[in-house]
Amino acid sequence: MKLIVDTTGKQVTATKEPVERLDQNGRQRSDKETGRLMWSTQVFVLDQDGGEVITVHTAGEKPDVKVGQLVAVSDLEALPWATNGRNGVSFRATAIKPVQVPASGK
């Protein structure tokens, strides 16, 4: 079962530049299904209830986003995990792209 997170009505802002997602040996991870390289991008998600910082993993091309830029996250999936008595939620998306903000006509 996939747990897809609806980002409609949420403001998502990049808070760190995308970085390589590394394995325990310091090598860049690749997607198990496609072999594409993995990236980690930290974002701040804000809605009417408040905000939260999460790290979103993507596979393929390095996301072309900058710190402070509004971004769109495509197909955001929450992935609960548990290992060695620890647990949490990781997030994966098919893409993270800059949001095109319309120019104000003054």
Protein backbone atom coordinates (compact mmCIF):
# COMPACT_ATOMS: atom_id res chain seq x y z
CA MET A 1 0.00 0.00 0.00
CA LYS A 2 1.31 3.45 -0.89
CA LEU A 3 0.74 6.35 1.51
CA ILE A 4 0.53 9.36 -0.83
CA VAL A 5 0.68 12.79 0.83
CA ASP A 6 -1.58 15.45 -0.72
CA THR A 7 0.39 18.69 -0.99
CA THR A 8 -2.54 20.66 -2.43
CA GLY A 9 -2.97 23.90 -0.47
CA LYS A 10 0.43 23.56 1.19
CA GLN A 11 3.36 25.89 0.68
CA VAL A 12 6.60 23.96 0.16
CA THR A 13 9.95 25.77 0.32
CA ALA A 14 13.45 24.36 -0.27
CA THR A 15 15.55 24.85 2.88
CA LYS A 16 18.79 23.16 1.72
CA GLU A 17 20.40 22.49 -1.64
CA PRO A 18 19.81 18.93 -2.94
CA VAL A 19 22.61 16.54 -1.97
CA GLU A 20 23.57 12.99 -2.92
CA ARG A 21 21.80 10.34 -0.82
CA LEU A 22 24.66 8.23 0.53
CA ASP A 23 24.81 4.64 1.73
CA GLN A 24 26.68 3.48 4.86
CA ASN A 25 29.93 3.33 2.83
CA GLY A 26 29.67 6.94 1.63
CA ARG A 27 28.66 6.05 -1.94
CA GLN A 28 25.67 7.61 -3.64
CA ARG A 29 22.64 5.33 -3.43
CA SER A 30 20.75 4.26 -6.52
CA ASP A 31 17.10 3.31 -6.90
CA LYS A 32 16.67 -0.45 -6.56
CA GLU A 33 14.15 -0.67 -9.41
CA THR A 34 15.61 1.75 -11.97
CA GLY A 35 19.27 2.13 -11.00
CA ARG A 36 18.90 5.93 -11.13
CA LEU A 37 20.96 7.94 -8.63
CA MET A 38 19.21 9.17 -5.45
CA TRP A 39 19.06 12.75 -4.11
CA SER A 40 17.93 14.23 -0.77
CA THR A 41 16.30 17.66 -0.58
CA GLN A 42 15.23 19.27 2.68
CA VAL A 43 11.97 21.26 2.45
CA PHE A 44 9.66 23.17 4.79
CA VAL A 45 5.97 22.29 4.38
CA LEU A 46 3.50 24.91 5.66
CA ASP A 47 -0.29 24.70 5.92
CA GLN A 48 -3.02 26.21 8.11
CA ASP A 49 -2.01 23.98 11.07
CA GLY A 50 1.67 24.97 11.05
CA GLY A 51 4.84 23.75 9.40
CA GLU A 52 7.32 20.90 9.39
CA VAL A 53 10.76 20.32 7.93
CA ILE A 54 11.12 17.02 6.03
CA THR A 55 13.73 15.47 3.77
CA VAL A 56 12.42 14.24 0.42
CA HIS A 57 14.30 11.61 -1.61
CA THR A 58 14.12 11.55 -5.40
CA ALA A 59 15.75 9.41 -8.10
CA GLY A 60 17.20 10.60 -11.41
CA GLU A 61 18.43 14.08 -12.25
CA LYS A 62 19.52 16.32 -9.37
CA PRO A 63 16.57 18.61 -8.52
CA ASP A 64 17.23 22.12 -9.85
CA VAL A 65 15.99 24.03 -6.80
CA LYS A 66 17.60 26.71 -4.62
CA VAL A 67 17.31 27.52 -0.91
CA GLY A 68 14.26 29.72 -0.22
CA GLN A 69 12.57 28.82 -3.49
CA LEU A 70 8.95 27.66 -3.56
CA VAL A 71 8.83 24.14 -4.97
CA ALA A 72 6.29 21.60 -6.18
CA VAL A 73 6.70 18.02 -4.95
CA SER A 74 5.22 15.39 -7.27
CA ASP A 75 3.72 12.14 -5.94
CA LEU A 76 4.98 12.59 -2.36
CA GLU A 77 4.93 9.23 -0.59
CA ALA A 78 5.35 8.60 3.16
CA LEU A 79 7.35 5.46 3.95
CA PRO A 80 7.18 4.30 7.60
CA TRP A 81 10.25 2.34 8.72
CA ALA A 82 11.53 0.46 11.78
CA THR A 83 15.10 -0.80 12.28
CA ASN A 84 16.92 -1.99 15.41
CA GLY A 85 14.34 -0.49 17.79
CA ARG A 86 14.25 2.84 15.96
CA ASN A 87 11.43 4.02 13.74
CA GLY A 88 10.27 6.97 11.71
CA VAL A 89 8.92 8.09 8.37
CA SER A 90 10.92 8.85 5.25
CA PHE A 91 9.55 10.68 2.23
CA ARG A 92 10.01 9.98 -1.45
CA ALA A 93 8.77 11.86 -4.52
CA THR A 94 9.01 11.42 -8.27
CA ALA A 95 10.22 15.03 -8.70
CA ILE A 96 10.88 18.35 -6.98
CA LYS A 97 10.66 21.39 -9.24
CA PRO A 98 10.61 25.16 -8.78
CA VAL A 99 7.18 26.80 -8.70
CA GLN A 100 6.77 29.45 -11.35
CA VAL A 101 5.55 32.54 -9.49
CA PRO A 102 3.67 34.96 -11.77
CA ALA A 103 5.25 38.39 -12.10
CA SER A 104 3.25 41.17 -10.48
CA GLY A 105 2.10 43.77 -12.98
CA LYS A 106 2.46 47.15 -11.30
